[in-house]
N, C-alpha and C. Protein backbone atom coordinates (compact mmCIF):
# COMPACT_ATOMS: atom_id res chain seq x y z
N UNK A 1 -43.71 -55.77 -21.00
CA UNK A 1 -44.25 -56.43 -22.17
C UNK A 1 -43.27 -57.43 -22.27
N UNK A 2 -43.58 -58.55 -23.17
CA UNK A 2 -42.88 -59.69 -23.21
C UNK A 2 -42.00 -59.47 -24.51
N UNK A 3 -40.99 -60.08 -24.91
CA UNK A 3 -39.99 -60.03 -25.97
C UNK A 3 -40.89 -60.24 -27.28
N UNK A 4 -41.46 -61.32 -27.19
CA UNK A 4 -42.78 -61.51 -28.22
C UNK A 4 -43.93 -60.44 -28.89
N UNK A 5 -43.92 -59.84 -27.75
CA UNK A 5 -44.83 -58.19 -27.73
C UNK A 5 -44.01 -57.30 -28.69
N UNK A 6 -42.66 -57.15 -28.27
CA UNK A 6 -41.99 -56.25 -29.31
C UNK A 6 -41.57 -56.70 -30.52
N UNK A 7 -41.11 -58.03 -30.73
CA UNK A 7 -41.09 -58.32 -31.95
C UNK A 7 -42.28 -58.49 -32.92
N UNK A 8 -43.26 -58.42 -32.10
CA UNK A 8 -44.62 -58.27 -33.10
C UNK A 8 -44.73 -56.70 -33.53
N UNK A 9 -44.26 -55.84 -32.79
CA UNK A 9 -44.44 -54.42 -32.76
C UNK A 9 -43.09 -53.87 -33.96
N UNK A 10 -42.08 -54.76 -33.68
CA UNK A 10 -41.03 -54.22 -34.61
C UNK A 10 -40.47 -55.21 -35.17
N UNK A 11 -41.15 -55.73 -36.02
CA UNK A 11 -40.97 -57.18 -36.98
C UNK A 11 -39.64 -56.72 -37.93
N UNK A 12 -39.04 -57.54 -38.42
CA UNK A 12 -37.78 -57.58 -39.31
C UNK A 12 -38.10 -58.75 -40.31
N UNK A 13 -38.86 -58.30 -41.40
CA UNK A 13 -39.26 -59.35 -42.49
C UNK A 13 -38.06 -59.02 -43.41
N UNK A 14 -38.01 -59.90 -44.27
CA UNK A 14 -36.86 -59.88 -45.32
C UNK A 14 -35.52 -59.28 -45.09
N UNK A 15 -35.24 -59.94 -43.82
CA UNK A 15 -34.03 -59.75 -42.95
C UNK A 15 -32.91 -60.30 -44.04
N UNK A 16 -33.12 -61.45 -44.43
CA UNK A 16 -31.97 -62.16 -45.35
C UNK A 16 -31.54 -60.77 -46.75
N UNK A 17 -32.40 -60.18 -47.24
CA UNK A 17 -32.11 -59.07 -48.15
C UNK A 17 -31.50 -58.32 -47.71
N UNK A 18 -32.16 -57.65 -46.44
CA UNK A 18 -31.78 -56.50 -45.63
C UNK A 18 -30.19 -56.46 -45.29
N UNK A 19 -30.17 -57.66 -44.59
CA UNK A 19 -28.71 -57.60 -44.03
C UNK A 19 -27.58 -57.97 -45.29
N UNK A 20 -28.04 -58.25 -46.56
CA UNK A 20 -27.24 -58.52 -47.51
C UNK A 20 -26.97 -57.27 -48.15
N UNK A 21 -27.88 -56.43 -48.33
CA UNK A 21 -27.51 -55.23 -49.05
C UNK A 21 -27.07 -54.29 -48.19
N UNK A 22 -27.48 -54.48 -46.69
CA UNK A 22 -26.92 -53.44 -45.79
C UNK A 22 -25.23 -53.78 -45.88
N UNK A 23 -25.09 -54.97 -45.93
CA UNK A 23 -23.61 -55.31 -45.70
C UNK A 23 -22.71 -54.86 -47.19
N UNK A 24 -23.62 -55.00 -48.24
CA UNK A 24 -23.07 -54.61 -49.38
C UNK A 24 -22.85 -53.13 -49.66
N UNK A 25 -23.70 -52.42 -48.99
CA UNK A 25 -23.50 -50.86 -49.09
C UNK A 25 -22.75 -50.25 -47.58
N UNK A 26 -22.24 -51.15 -46.98
CA UNK A 26 -21.51 -50.86 -45.58
C UNK A 26 -22.40 -49.97 -44.70
N UNK A 27 -23.67 -50.37 -44.22
CA UNK A 27 -24.48 -49.96 -43.40
C UNK A 27 -24.92 -50.54 -42.36
N UNK A 28 -25.29 -50.14 -41.35
CA UNK A 28 -26.05 -50.70 -40.21
C UNK A 28 -27.48 -51.57 -40.61
N UNK A 29 -27.67 -52.55 -40.42
CA UNK A 29 -29.07 -53.14 -41.16
C UNK A 29 -30.03 -52.76 -40.08
N UNK A 30 -29.49 -52.48 -38.86
CA UNK A 30 -30.59 -52.20 -37.87
C UNK A 30 -31.41 -50.88 -38.06
N UNK A 31 -30.29 -49.76 -38.47
CA UNK A 31 -30.67 -48.34 -38.43
C UNK A 31 -31.89 -48.44 -39.97
N UNK A 32 -31.45 -49.38 -41.27
CA UNK A 32 -32.03 -49.37 -42.16
C UNK A 32 -33.54 -50.14 -41.88
N UNK A 33 -33.44 -51.14 -40.66
CA UNK A 33 -34.74 -51.66 -40.53
C UNK A 33 -35.44 -50.47 -39.95
N UNK A 34 -34.89 -49.53 -39.35
CA UNK A 34 -35.48 -48.77 -38.40
C UNK A 34 -36.03 -47.64 -39.63
N UNK A 35 -35.44 -47.47 -40.50
CA UNK A 35 -36.05 -46.44 -41.54
C UNK A 35 -36.99 -47.12 -42.35
N UNK A 36 -37.18 -48.27 -42.52
CA UNK A 36 -38.48 -48.76 -43.11
C UNK A 36 -39.66 -48.94 -42.53
N UNK A 37 -39.08 -49.03 -41.14
CA UNK A 37 -40.26 -49.21 -40.32
C UNK A 37 -40.95 -47.89 -39.92
N UNK A 38 -40.55 -46.85 -40.19
CA UNK A 38 -40.75 -45.28 -40.37
C UNK A 38 -41.47 -45.26 -41.68
N UNK A 39 -40.84 -45.53 -42.91
CA UNK A 39 -41.15 -44.91 -43.82
C UNK A 39 -42.65 -45.84 -44.29
N UNK A 40 -42.50 -47.52 -44.05
CA UNK A 40 -43.88 -48.14 -45.23
C UNK A 40 -44.36 -49.18 -43.73
N UNK A 41 -43.65 -49.19 -42.65
CA UNK A 41 -44.06 -50.15 -41.62
C UNK A 41 -43.92 -51.51 -42.41
N UNK A 42 -43.04 -51.92 -43.24
CA UNK A 42 -42.86 -52.95 -43.94
C UNK A 42 -43.46 -53.44 -44.77
N UNK A 43 -44.51 -52.49 -45.41
CA UNK A 43 -45.39 -52.80 -46.10
C UNK A 43 -44.89 -52.77 -47.56
N UNK A 44 -44.79 -53.89 -48.50
CA UNK A 44 -43.84 -53.83 -49.44
C UNK A 44 -44.80 -53.36 -50.80
N UNK A 45 -46.29 -53.11 -50.42
CA UNK A 45 -46.81 -52.74 -51.82
C UNK A 45 -47.59 -51.54 -51.32
N UNK A 46 -47.12 -50.82 -50.35
CA UNK A 46 -47.88 -49.38 -50.39
C UNK A 46 -47.26 -48.48 -51.13
N UNK A 47 -48.17 -47.35 -51.88
CA UNK A 47 -47.54 -46.49 -52.22
C UNK A 47 -48.29 -45.21 -51.78
N UNK A 48 -47.31 -44.08 -51.93
CA UNK A 48 -47.58 -42.86 -50.78
C UNK A 48 -48.52 -41.90 -51.60
N UNK A 49 -49.08 -40.84 -51.26
CA UNK A 49 -49.41 -39.97 -51.57
C UNK A 49 -48.70 -39.48 -52.82
N UNK A 50 -47.34 -39.20 -52.47
CA UNK A 50 -46.26 -38.60 -53.77
C UNK A 50 -46.04 -39.45 -54.52
N UNK A 51 -46.63 -40.98 -54.48
CA UNK A 51 -46.43 -41.68 -55.51
C UNK A 51 -44.85 -42.54 -55.41
N UNK A 52 -44.56 -42.46 -54.14
CA UNK A 52 -43.28 -43.33 -53.72
C UNK A 52 -43.30 -44.67 -53.30
N UNK A 53 -42.98 -45.69 -53.94
CA UNK A 53 -43.29 -47.01 -53.88
C UNK A 53 -42.46 -48.03 -52.77
N UNK A 54 -42.99 -48.96 -51.99
CA UNK A 54 -42.70 -49.97 -51.34
C UNK A 54 -41.89 -49.57 -50.03
N UNK A 55 -41.22 -50.62 -49.70
CA UNK A 55 -40.24 -50.72 -48.34
C UNK A 55 -39.88 -49.11 -48.02
N UNK A 56 -38.65 -48.80 -48.86
CA UNK A 56 -38.24 -47.63 -48.51
C UNK A 56 -38.45 -46.27 -48.99
N UNK A 57 -39.86 -46.46 -49.61
CA UNK A 57 -40.72 -45.17 -50.23
C UNK A 57 -39.40 -44.58 -51.58
N UNK A 58 -39.44 -45.13 -52.58
CA UNK A 58 -38.60 -44.68 -53.75
C UNK A 58 -39.63 -44.32 -54.98
N UNK A 59 -39.42 -43.01 -55.37
CA UNK A 59 -40.08 -42.35 -56.19
C UNK A 59 -39.59 -43.28 -57.62
N UNK A 60 -40.63 -43.45 -58.62
CA UNK A 60 -40.20 -44.10 -59.78
C UNK A 60 -39.29 -43.67 -60.78
N UNK A 61 -39.00 -42.20 -60.38
CA UNK A 61 -38.24 -41.59 -61.40
C UNK A 61 -36.91 -41.98 -60.39
N UNK A 62 -36.70 -41.64 -59.15
CA UNK A 62 -35.40 -42.05 -58.35
C UNK A 62 -34.96 -43.74 -58.70
N UNK A 63 -36.07 -44.72 -58.65
CA UNK A 63 -35.70 -45.93 -58.83
C UNK A 63 -35.15 -46.13 -60.09
N UNK A 64 -35.62 -45.32 -61.56
CA UNK A 64 -35.00 -45.55 -62.38
C UNK A 64 -33.58 -45.27 -62.38
N UNK A 65 -33.04 -44.14 -61.91
CA UNK A 65 -31.65 -43.58 -61.64
C UNK A 65 -30.87 -44.57 -61.12
N UNK A 66 -31.36 -45.17 -59.77
CA UNK A 66 -30.62 -45.58 -59.02
C UNK A 66 -30.42 -47.34 -59.68
N UNK A 67 -31.49 -47.75 -60.66
CA UNK A 67 -31.21 -49.44 -61.09
C UNK A 67 -30.13 -48.99 -62.04
N UNK A 68 -29.99 -48.05 -62.76
CA UNK A 68 -28.95 -47.89 -63.53
C UNK A 68 -27.46 -47.90 -63.07
N UNK A 69 -27.66 -47.25 -61.91
CA UNK A 69 -26.36 -47.09 -60.80
C UNK A 69 -25.87 -48.60 -60.35
N UNK A 70 -26.94 -49.33 -60.34
CA UNK A 70 -26.75 -50.81 -59.64
C UNK A 70 -26.63 -51.49 -60.39
N UNK A 71 -26.88 -51.62 -61.70
CA UNK A 71 -26.76 -52.37 -62.89
C UNK A 71 -28.12 -53.33 -63.08
N UNK A 72 -29.13 -52.69 -62.55
CA UNK A 72 -30.57 -53.40 -62.87
C UNK A 72 -31.15 -53.10 -64.34
N UNK A 73 -31.12 -53.91 -65.03
CA UNK A 73 -31.90 -53.92 -66.61
C UNK A 73 -33.12 -53.79 -66.71
N UNK A 74 -33.74 -53.04 -67.66
CA UNK A 74 -35.31 -53.42 -67.73
C UNK A 74 -35.99 -52.77 -66.80
N UNK A 75 -35.51 -51.59 -66.04
CA UNK A 75 -36.47 -50.90 -64.54
C UNK A 75 -37.70 -50.58 -65.28
N UNK A 76 -38.80 -50.96 -64.29
CA UNK A 76 -40.05 -50.58 -64.30
C UNK A 76 -40.30 -50.14 -62.69
N UNK A 77 -41.49 -49.37 -62.66
CA UNK A 77 -41.95 -49.05 -61.22
C UNK A 77 -42.10 -50.09 -60.68
N UNK A 78 -43.10 -51.01 -61.19
CA UNK A 78 -43.59 -52.49 -60.29
C UNK A 78 -42.21 -53.01 -59.66
N UNK A 79 -40.97 -52.84 -60.28
CA UNK A 79 -40.16 -53.49 -59.64
C UNK A 79 -39.68 -53.03 -58.14
N UNK A 80 -40.31 -51.75 -57.73
CA UNK A 80 -39.96 -51.31 -56.50
C UNK A 80 -40.87 -52.05 -55.43
N UNK A 81 -41.66 -52.73 -56.00
CA UNK A 81 -42.76 -53.43 -54.85
C UNK A 81 -42.08 -54.79 -54.72
N UNK A 82 -41.25 -55.36 -55.31
CA UNK A 82 -40.11 -56.49 -54.96
C UNK A 82 -39.38 -56.10 -53.77
N UNK A 83 -39.43 -56.91 -52.50
CA UNK A 83 -38.37 -56.26 -51.47
C UNK A 83 -37.16 -56.29 -51.49
N UNK A 84 -36.71 -57.34 -52.50
CA UNK A 84 -35.42 -57.41 -52.36
C UNK A 84 -34.70 -56.09 -53.41
N UNK A 85 -35.38 -55.88 -54.15
CA UNK A 85 -35.32 -54.58 -55.23
C UNK A 85 -35.25 -53.41 -54.26
N UNK A 86 -36.31 -53.21 -53.87
CA UNK A 86 -36.61 -51.87 -53.29
C UNK A 86 -35.38 -51.71 -51.71
N UNK A 87 -34.86 -52.98 -51.31
CA UNK A 87 -34.01 -53.11 -50.48
C UNK A 87 -32.93 -52.38 -51.03
N UNK A 88 -32.64 -53.30 -52.18
CA UNK A 88 -31.11 -52.87 -52.88
C UNK A 88 -31.13 -51.30 -53.20
N UNK A 89 -32.08 -50.92 -53.94
CA UNK A 89 -32.26 -49.45 -54.29
C UNK A 89 -31.71 -48.71 -53.05
N UNK A 90 -32.85 -49.03 -52.16
CA UNK A 90 -32.91 -48.15 -50.96
C UNK A 90 -31.52 -48.09 -50.32
N UNK A 91 -30.75 -49.15 -49.99
CA UNK A 91 -29.72 -49.16 -49.33
C UNK A 91 -28.74 -48.16 -50.02
N UNK A 92 -28.47 -48.61 -51.32
CA UNK A 92 -27.71 -47.92 -52.21
C UNK A 92 -27.72 -46.25 -52.18
N UNK A 93 -28.80 -46.23 -52.11
CA UNK A 93 -29.23 -44.51 -52.05
C UNK A 93 -28.93 -43.80 -50.53
N UNK A 94 -29.23 -44.74 -49.78
CA UNK A 94 -28.68 -44.21 -48.21
C UNK A 94 -27.02 -44.03 -48.09
N UNK A 95 -26.39 -44.98 -49.10
CA UNK A 95 -24.74 -44.94 -48.85
C UNK A 95 -24.38 -43.94 -49.45
N UNK A 96 -25.36 -43.53 -50.74
CA UNK A 96 -24.63 -42.22 -51.47
C UNK A 96 -24.90 -41.07 -50.80
N UNK A 97 -26.01 -41.05 -49.85
CA UNK A 97 -26.35 -40.19 -48.95
C UNK A 97 -25.45 -39.43 -48.10
N UNK A 98 -24.89 -40.80 -47.29
CA UNK A 98 -24.31 -40.55 -46.36
C UNK A 98 -22.55 -40.44 -47.04
N UNK A 99 -22.31 -40.73 -48.05
CA UNK A 99 -21.27 -40.53 -48.35
C UNK A 99 -21.24 -39.05 -48.45
N UNK A 100 -21.95 -38.55 -49.15
CA UNK A 100 -22.17 -36.77 -49.78
C UNK A 100 -22.14 -36.24 -48.42
N UNK A 101 -22.52 -36.74 -47.21
CA UNK A 101 -22.61 -35.83 -45.94
C UNK A 101 -21.65 -36.25 -44.96
N UNK A 102 -20.29 -36.69 -45.50
CA UNK A 102 -19.00 -37.22 -44.50
C UNK A 102 -19.64 -38.15 -43.52
N UNK A 103 -20.77 -39.04 -43.65
CA UNK A 103 -20.91 -40.19 -43.02
C UNK A 103 -21.70 -39.89 -41.51
N UNK A 104 -22.29 -38.79 -41.45
CA UNK A 104 -23.12 -38.15 -40.62
C UNK A 104 -24.45 -38.73 -40.38
N UNK A 105 -24.98 -39.89 -39.72
CA UNK A 105 -26.39 -40.37 -39.88
C UNK A 105 -27.37 -39.63 -39.60
N UNK A 106 -27.20 -38.63 -38.62
CA UNK A 106 -28.13 -37.60 -38.41
C UNK A 106 -28.58 -36.63 -39.42
N UNK A 107 -27.71 -36.46 -40.09
CA UNK A 107 -27.74 -35.50 -41.26
C UNK A 107 -28.36 -36.37 -42.40
N UNK A 108 -28.07 -37.26 -42.40
CA UNK A 108 -28.28 -38.47 -43.70
C UNK A 108 -29.66 -38.82 -43.66
N UNK A 109 -29.87 -39.05 -42.57
CA UNK A 109 -31.63 -39.25 -42.30
C UNK A 109 -32.40 -37.91 -41.98
N UNK A 110 -31.80 -36.73 -41.66
CA UNK A 110 -32.69 -35.82 -41.92
C UNK A 110 -32.70 -35.43 -43.60
N UNK A 111 -31.74 -35.79 -44.14
CA UNK A 111 -31.68 -35.57 -45.71
C UNK A 111 -32.62 -36.30 -46.24
N UNK A 112 -32.95 -37.51 -45.80
CA UNK A 112 -34.03 -38.70 -46.38
C UNK A 112 -35.28 -38.00 -46.13
N UNK A 113 -35.28 -37.60 -45.08
CA UNK A 113 -36.88 -37.19 -44.86
C UNK A 113 -37.40 -35.52 -45.52
N UNK A 114 -36.16 -34.77 -45.51
CA UNK A 114 -36.69 -33.39 -45.83
C UNK A 114 -35.67 -32.89 -46.83
N UNK A 115 -34.83 -33.70 -47.40
CA UNK A 115 -33.94 -33.15 -48.66
C UNK A 115 -32.55 -32.76 -48.50
N UNK A 116 -31.61 -33.08 -49.31
CA UNK A 116 -30.13 -33.01 -48.72
C UNK A 116 -29.85 -31.23 -49.09
N UNK A 117 -30.22 -30.72 -50.01
CA UNK A 117 -30.11 -29.27 -50.05
C UNK A 117 -30.56 -28.70 -48.89
N UNK A 118 -31.81 -29.02 -48.34
CA UNK A 118 -31.91 -28.24 -46.97
C UNK A 118 -31.21 -28.90 -45.62
N UNK A 119 -30.51 -29.92 -45.65
CA UNK A 119 -29.68 -30.40 -44.69
C UNK A 119 -28.24 -29.23 -44.88
N UNK A 120 -27.94 -29.38 -46.08
CA UNK A 120 -26.41 -28.61 -46.12
C UNK A 120 -26.68 -27.04 -45.83
N UNK A 121 -28.06 -26.54 -45.89
CA UNK A 121 -28.20 -25.02 -45.60
C UNK A 121 -28.51 -25.09 -44.00
N UNK A 122 -29.18 -26.12 -43.34
CA UNK A 122 -29.21 -26.14 -41.81
C UNK A 122 -27.86 -26.15 -41.35
N UNK A 123 -27.12 -26.77 -42.01
CA UNK A 123 -25.55 -27.14 -41.20
C UNK A 123 -24.71 -25.85 -41.27
N UNK A 124 -25.75 -24.57 -41.91
CA UNK A 124 -24.74 -23.57 -41.74
C UNK A 124 -25.35 -22.62 -40.77
N UNK A 125 -26.39 -23.20 -39.93
CA UNK A 125 -27.23 -22.32 -38.89
C UNK A 125 -26.16 -22.22 -37.63
N UNK A 126 -24.91 -23.16 -37.25
CA UNK A 126 -24.62 -22.99 -36.19
C UNK A 126 -23.39 -24.17 -36.23
N UNK A 127 -22.25 -23.77 -35.46
CA UNK A 127 -21.29 -24.84 -35.16
C UNK A 127 -21.71 -26.22 -34.21
N UNK A 128 -22.05 -27.05 -34.52
CA UNK A 128 -22.84 -28.07 -33.65
C UNK A 128 -21.91 -28.71 -32.95
N UNK A 129 -21.75 -28.88 -31.89
CA UNK A 129 -20.89 -29.53 -30.75
C UNK A 129 -21.06 -31.21 -30.85
N UNK A 130 -22.29 -31.35 -30.94
CA UNK A 130 -22.98 -32.76 -30.97
C UNK A 130 -24.05 -33.10 -31.84
N UNK A 131 -24.20 -34.19 -32.17
CA UNK A 131 -25.68 -34.50 -33.38
C UNK A 131 -26.77 -33.96 -32.79
N UNK A 132 -26.94 -34.15 -31.37
CA UNK A 132 -28.46 -33.59 -30.65
C UNK A 132 -28.58 -32.25 -30.87
N UNK A 133 -27.42 -31.47 -31.09
CA UNK A 133 -27.69 -29.83 -31.24
C UNK A 133 -28.34 -29.83 -32.54
N UNK A 134 -27.70 -30.39 -33.42
CA UNK A 134 -28.19 -30.65 -34.83
C UNK A 134 -29.70 -30.96 -35.33
N UNK A 135 -29.99 -32.06 -34.76
CA UNK A 135 -31.40 -32.47 -34.71
C UNK A 135 -32.53 -31.46 -34.10
N UNK A 136 -31.90 -30.89 -32.88
CA UNK A 136 -32.98 -30.10 -32.37
C UNK A 136 -33.13 -28.64 -33.18
N UNK A 137 -32.21 -28.53 -33.89
CA UNK A 137 -32.41 -27.09 -34.89
C UNK A 137 -32.89 -27.48 -36.07
N UNK A 138 -33.42 -28.65 -36.21
CA UNK A 138 -34.23 -28.92 -37.62
C UNK A 138 -35.30 -28.06 -37.41
N UNK A 139 -35.68 -27.29 -38.48
CA UNK A 139 -36.80 -26.28 -38.64
C UNK A 139 -37.94 -27.04 -38.73
N UNK A 140 -37.89 -28.22 -39.54
CA UNK A 140 -39.18 -29.21 -39.96
C UNK A 140 -39.68 -29.95 -38.54
N UNK A 141 -40.72 -29.92 -37.88
CA UNK A 141 -41.24 -30.75 -36.74
C UNK A 141 -40.85 -32.14 -37.37
N UNK A 142 -41.30 -32.40 -38.72
CA UNK A 142 -41.75 -33.99 -38.94
C UNK A 142 -40.31 -34.41 -39.18
N UNK A 143 -39.46 -33.78 -39.96
CA UNK A 143 -38.23 -33.97 -40.12
C UNK A 143 -37.44 -34.37 -38.73
N UNK A 144 -37.55 -33.42 -37.70
CA UNK A 144 -36.97 -33.62 -36.87
C UNK A 144 -37.27 -34.99 -36.11
N UNK A 145 -38.60 -35.15 -35.85
CA UNK A 145 -39.28 -36.56 -35.11
C UNK A 145 -38.83 -37.34 -36.12
N UNK A 146 -38.80 -37.32 -37.50
CA UNK A 146 -38.38 -38.37 -38.22
C UNK A 146 -37.15 -39.16 -37.96
N UNK A 147 -35.88 -38.10 -37.45
CA UNK A 147 -34.82 -38.66 -37.11
C UNK A 147 -34.65 -39.13 -35.93
N UNK A 148 -35.20 -38.68 -34.88
CA UNK A 148 -35.30 -39.36 -33.76
C UNK A 148 -36.13 -40.77 -33.80
N UNK A 149 -37.27 -40.94 -34.58
CA UNK A 149 -37.79 -42.00 -34.39
C UNK A 149 -37.29 -43.04 -35.15
N UNK A 150 -36.21 -42.84 -36.19
CA UNK A 150 -35.49 -44.03 -36.71
C UNK A 150 -34.87 -44.61 -35.77
N UNK A 151 -33.75 -43.47 -35.09
CA UNK A 151 -32.82 -43.83 -34.15
C UNK A 151 -33.31 -44.52 -33.25
N UNK A 152 -34.52 -44.12 -33.06
CA UNK A 152 -35.26 -45.23 -31.61
C UNK A 152 -35.58 -46.58 -32.10
N UNK A 153 -35.83 -46.66 -33.47
CA UNK A 153 -36.37 -47.94 -34.28
C UNK A 153 -35.28 -48.65 -33.94
N UNK A 154 -34.21 -48.08 -34.51
CA UNK A 154 -32.79 -48.93 -34.54
C UNK A 154 -32.07 -49.22 -33.40
N UNK A 155 -32.24 -48.79 -32.63
CA UNK A 155 -32.12 -49.20 -31.06
C UNK A 155 -33.05 -50.15 -30.63
N UNK A 156 -34.05 -50.27 -30.81
CA UNK A 156 -34.80 -51.28 -30.15
C UNK A 156 -35.07 -52.67 -31.18
N UNK A 157 -34.66 -52.44 -32.32
CA UNK A 157 -33.79 -53.47 -33.33
C UNK A 157 -32.92 -54.14 -32.60
N UNK A 158 -31.74 -53.62 -32.57
CA UNK A 158 -30.59 -53.74 -32.19
C UNK A 158 -30.68 -54.60 -30.77
N UNK A 159 -31.46 -54.14 -29.77
CA UNK A 159 -31.69 -54.96 -28.67
C UNK A 159 -32.39 -56.21 -28.69
N UNK A 160 -33.61 -56.11 -29.94
CA UNK A 160 -33.97 -57.41 -29.91
C UNK A 160 -33.27 -58.37 -30.65
N UNK A 161 -32.84 -57.99 -32.04
CA UNK A 161 -32.13 -59.29 -32.58
C UNK A 161 -30.73 -58.99 -32.36
N UNK A 162 -30.08 -58.43 -32.06
CA UNK A 162 -28.79 -58.36 -31.82
C UNK A 162 -28.33 -58.62 -30.32
N UNK A 163 -29.37 -58.50 -29.48
CA UNK A 163 -28.68 -58.76 -28.24
C UNK A 163 -27.89 -57.96 -27.37
N UNK A 164 -27.92 -56.66 -27.71
CA UNK A 164 -27.21 -55.51 -27.49
C UNK A 164 -28.09 -54.44 -26.64
N UNK A 165 -27.55 -53.87 -25.80
CA UNK A 165 -28.55 -52.73 -25.30
C UNK A 165 -28.94 -51.83 -26.22
N UNK A 166 -30.16 -51.30 -26.04
CA UNK A 166 -30.67 -50.47 -27.12
C UNK A 166 -30.61 -48.65 -26.46
N UNK A 167 -29.60 -48.10 -26.56
CA UNK A 167 -29.20 -47.25 -26.12
C UNK A 167 -29.85 -46.17 -27.50
N UNK A 168 -30.92 -45.17 -26.99
CA UNK A 168 -31.58 -44.50 -27.71
C UNK A 168 -30.86 -43.45 -28.57
N UNK A 169 -29.64 -42.95 -27.93
CA UNK A 169 -28.72 -41.93 -28.50
C UNK A 169 -27.67 -42.66 -29.36
N UNK A 170 -28.12 -42.56 -30.72
CA UNK A 170 -27.26 -43.40 -31.55
C UNK A 170 -25.85 -43.09 -31.90
N UNK A 171 -24.83 -43.71 -32.12
CA UNK A 171 -23.30 -43.22 -32.29
C UNK A 171 -23.53 -42.32 -33.78
N UNK A 172 -22.58 -41.58 -33.97
CA UNK A 172 -22.57 -40.84 -35.08
C UNK A 172 -21.36 -40.74 -35.63
N UNK A 173 -20.71 -41.53 -36.65
CA UNK A 173 -21.30 -42.74 -37.41
C UNK A 173 -21.49 -43.71 -36.73
N UNK A 174 -22.36 -45.03 -36.59
CA UNK A 174 -22.15 -46.18 -36.02
C UNK A 174 -20.86 -46.63 -35.97
N UNK A 175 -20.45 -47.35 -35.01
CA UNK A 175 -19.15 -47.97 -34.86
C UNK A 175 -18.96 -49.16 -35.59
N UNK A 176 -17.50 -49.00 -36.04
CA UNK A 176 -17.02 -50.17 -37.32
C UNK A 176 -17.80 -49.98 -38.55
N UNK A 177 -18.30 -48.98 -39.04
CA UNK A 177 -19.12 -48.73 -40.20
C UNK A 177 -18.36 -47.37 -41.19
N UNK A 178 -18.15 -47.84 -42.34
CA UNK A 178 -17.72 -46.56 -42.94
C UNK A 178 -18.46 -45.65 -43.09
N UNK A 179 -18.27 -44.35 -43.86
CA UNK A 179 -18.88 -43.35 -43.75
C UNK A 179 -20.12 -43.85 -44.86
N UNK A 180 -21.47 -43.55 -44.64
CA UNK A 180 -22.50 -43.79 -45.34
C UNK A 180 -23.52 -42.45 -45.40
N UNK A 181 -24.71 -42.52 -46.49
CA UNK A 181 -25.54 -41.46 -46.57
C UNK A 181 -26.85 -42.05 -46.70
N UNK A 182 -27.61 -40.87 -46.47
CA UNK A 182 -29.25 -41.14 -46.69
C UNK A 182 -29.73 -39.92 -47.46
N UNK A 183 -30.90 -40.26 -47.81
CA UNK A 183 -31.72 -38.90 -48.29
C UNK A 183 -33.15 -39.50 -48.04
N UNK A 184 -33.88 -37.89 -47.97
CA UNK A 184 -35.39 -38.08 -47.79
C UNK A 184 -35.92 -36.80 -48.04
N UNK A 185 -37.10 -36.70 -47.90
CA UNK A 185 -37.80 -35.33 -48.25
C UNK A 185 -38.72 -34.94 -47.20
N UNK A 186 -39.23 -33.74 -47.14
CA UNK A 186 -40.57 -33.33 -46.37
C UNK A 186 -41.56 -32.91 -47.53
N UNK A 187 -42.66 -32.29 -46.73
CA UNK A 187 -43.90 -31.94 -47.07
C UNK A 187 -43.43 -31.29 -48.89
N UNK A 188 -44.29 -31.75 -49.77
CA UNK A 188 -44.02 -31.21 -51.19
C UNK A 188 -42.68 -30.50 -51.67
N UNK A 189 -41.57 -31.02 -51.23
CA UNK A 189 -40.58 -30.82 -51.48
C UNK A 189 -40.12 -31.11 -52.95
N UNK A 190 -39.04 -30.68 -53.59
CA UNK A 190 -38.75 -31.18 -54.84
C UNK A 190 -37.65 -32.04 -54.97
N UNK A 191 -37.18 -32.62 -55.80
CA UNK A 191 -36.35 -33.90 -55.74
C UNK A 191 -34.95 -33.31 -55.40
N UNK A 192 -34.11 -33.75 -54.57
CA UNK A 192 -32.85 -33.50 -54.09
C UNK A 192 -31.74 -33.15 -55.37
N UNK A 193 -31.03 -31.95 -55.37
CA UNK A 193 -30.19 -31.63 -56.17
C UNK A 193 -29.17 -32.55 -56.34
N UNK A 194 -28.55 -33.45 -55.47
CA UNK A 194 -27.75 -34.24 -55.31
C UNK A 194 -27.89 -35.50 -56.28
N UNK A 195 -27.15 -36.16 -57.10
CA UNK A 195 -27.54 -37.47 -57.65
C UNK A 195 -27.05 -38.45 -56.45
N UNK A 196 -27.97 -39.48 -56.70
CA UNK A 196 -29.00 -39.87 -57.50
C UNK A 196 -30.18 -39.12 -56.72
N UNK A 197 -31.30 -38.62 -57.70
CA UNK A 197 -32.24 -37.76 -57.18
C UNK A 197 -33.50 -38.18 -56.03
N UNK A 198 -33.84 -37.28 -55.03
CA UNK A 198 -34.14 -38.03 -53.84
C UNK A 198 -35.63 -38.77 -54.26
N UNK A 199 -36.19 -39.40 -53.27
CA UNK A 199 -37.34 -40.23 -53.09
C UNK A 199 -38.40 -39.30 -52.39
N UNK A 200 -39.45 -39.88 -52.13
CA UNK A 200 -40.50 -39.30 -51.14
C UNK A 200 -41.26 -40.34 -50.06
N UNK A 201 -41.55 -39.64 -48.78
CA UNK A 201 -41.72 -40.57 -47.94
C UNK A 201 -43.35 -40.85 -48.04
N UNK A 202 -43.64 -42.01 -47.45
CA UNK A 202 -45.06 -42.70 -47.32
C UNK A 202 -46.22 -41.52 -47.20
N UNK A 203 -45.86 -40.99 -46.19
CA UNK A 203 -46.94 -39.87 -45.73
C UNK A 203 -47.05 -38.80 -46.52
N UNK A 204 -46.66 -38.47 -47.38
CA UNK A 204 -46.40 -37.28 -48.36
C UNK A 204 -47.21 -37.43 -49.72
C-alpha cells in the first residue's frame, strides 16, 4: 500500500492542538493520536452510548472536573465537542493517570479503558517481568485488545508522521518522556475512584 493510503487510514487532524497539549502534558503525541483513533476515529462530534463526548470520549461529569483543574471557565458539555478543548482535557487526564501509575503506559492505557481501580487490582496478580506479561493477563478481552490497538496505532503514526521505524512493541515509558498517566473504562463500569473521575469510551 502507498503512504497516501496509510495516511488516509491513519489521519491526524487537529495536529497542532494535539502536539501543543501533548507537549504541555509531557506525553507522546503519537500515543495520544493512537488513543483518539481507537476512541472516536477522530470524530469530534461523536457521543457514545455511555454519553461520552468527542475525540477522547470524556463524560460531561469528568469534563467538568477536568475543566476546573485546567482553569477553563463556565464549562458546558458542548465544550467537549470542540477539538482543542477535548484534546486539552484528554491529555491532562492521561497525564494524571500516568502519574498515578508510575508512568507505565500499558497500565495507563488499560486504566483508560478498564478503570484505574481494576488496573491496581490486576497488578497484584503477579510480578510482571515485562509489559507484555501484564497485557496478556488483563482479564477483559476488550481492554487487552484496546491496549494492543492503541500501541499499534501509535507505531503506525510514528512511522507515517515522524519518519521512524514503527515497532509494535512500544517502550514503557516512551523514551525521553516524563512519567505519564491515562484513564479508561470497560463495559458498564463505574467512574474510577482516583481523581479526576474516569471517562467512558465511545463503544459503551
